[in-house]
Amino acid sequence: MLPCNVILYEANEQTTTVAVVKPSAAMSMIENKALEAVAHTVENSLQRVFDDVS
C-alpha cells in the first residue's frame, strides 16, 4: 500500500483547500525501484484528479 494522502480542509467559509502528498516523495526514502515506478504511476493519476478539482 502506498501512502497516497489527500487532505481536504475548509480554510474559510468560501475556500476549501485540497493538498496531495506526492507518492514519489513519500517513497523516495525506500530504495525500491519497483515501488518507485508504481509511485510515479499513482502520482500521475492523483495529479489528474487534483487538476480536475482545482
Protein backbone atom coordinates (compact mmCIF):
# COMPACT_ATOMS: atom_id res chain seq x y z
CA MET A 1 0.00 0.00 0.00
CA LEU A 2 1.39 3.38 -0.99
CA PRO A 3 0.97 6.48 1.14
CA CYS A 4 -1.43 8.48 -1.03
CA ASN A 5 -2.53 11.19 1.34
CA VAL A 6 -5.13 13.63 0.11
CA ILE A 7 -6.01 16.38 2.57
CA LEU A 8 -9.16 18.48 2.34
CA TYR A 9 -9.96 21.29 4.71
CA GLU A 10 -12.13 24.37 4.84
CA ALA A 11 -9.81 27.38 5.02
CA ASN A 12 -12.72 29.77 5.50
CA GLU A 13 -16.41 29.96 4.56
CA GLN A 14 -15.62 30.43 0.83
CA THR A 15 -12.45 28.39 0.41
CA THR A 16 -11.76 24.67 0.57
CA THR A 17 -8.13 23.63 0.28
CA VAL A 18 -7.00 20.39 -1.36
CA ALA A 19 -3.48 19.13 -0.78
CA VAL A 20 -1.86 15.97 -2.12
CA VAL A 21 1.29 14.32 -0.80
CA LYS A 22 3.29 13.09 -3.78
CA PRO A 23 3.76 9.31 -3.60
CA SER A 24 7.16 9.65 -5.28
CA ALA A 25 8.35 11.95 -2.50
CA ALA A 26 6.99 9.64 0.18
CA MET A 27 8.59 6.59 -1.45
CA SER A 28 11.95 8.28 -2.09
CA MET A 29 13.12 7.14 1.34
CA ILE A 30 12.65 3.50 0.34
CA GLU A 31 15.19 2.39 -2.24
CA ASN A 32 12.94 0.05 -4.20
CA LYS A 33 12.82 0.59 -7.97
CA ALA A 34 9.59 -1.41 -8.40
CA LEU A 35 7.78 0.72 -5.82
CA GLU A 36 9.26 3.87 -7.34
CA ALA A 37 7.67 3.02 -10.71
CA VAL A 38 4.30 2.33 -9.08
CA ALA A 39 4.54 5.55 -7.08
CA HIS A 40 5.03 7.58 -10.27
CA THR A 41 2.02 5.88 -11.89
CA VAL A 42 -0.14 6.63 -8.86
CA GLU A 43 1.20 10.18 -8.71
CA ASN A 44 0.18 10.81 -12.32
CA SER A 45 -3.35 9.62 -11.52
CA LEU A 46 -3.54 11.77 -8.40
CA GLN A 47 -2.27 14.78 -10.36
CA ARG A 48 -5.10 14.40 -12.89
CA VAL A 49 -7.67 14.25 -10.07
CA PHE A 50 -6.08 17.25 -8.36
CA ASP A 51 -6.13 19.22 -11.63
CA ASP A 52 -9.80 18.40 -12.15
CA VAL A 53 -10.85 19.71 -8.73
CA SER A 54 -8.69 22.83 -8.72
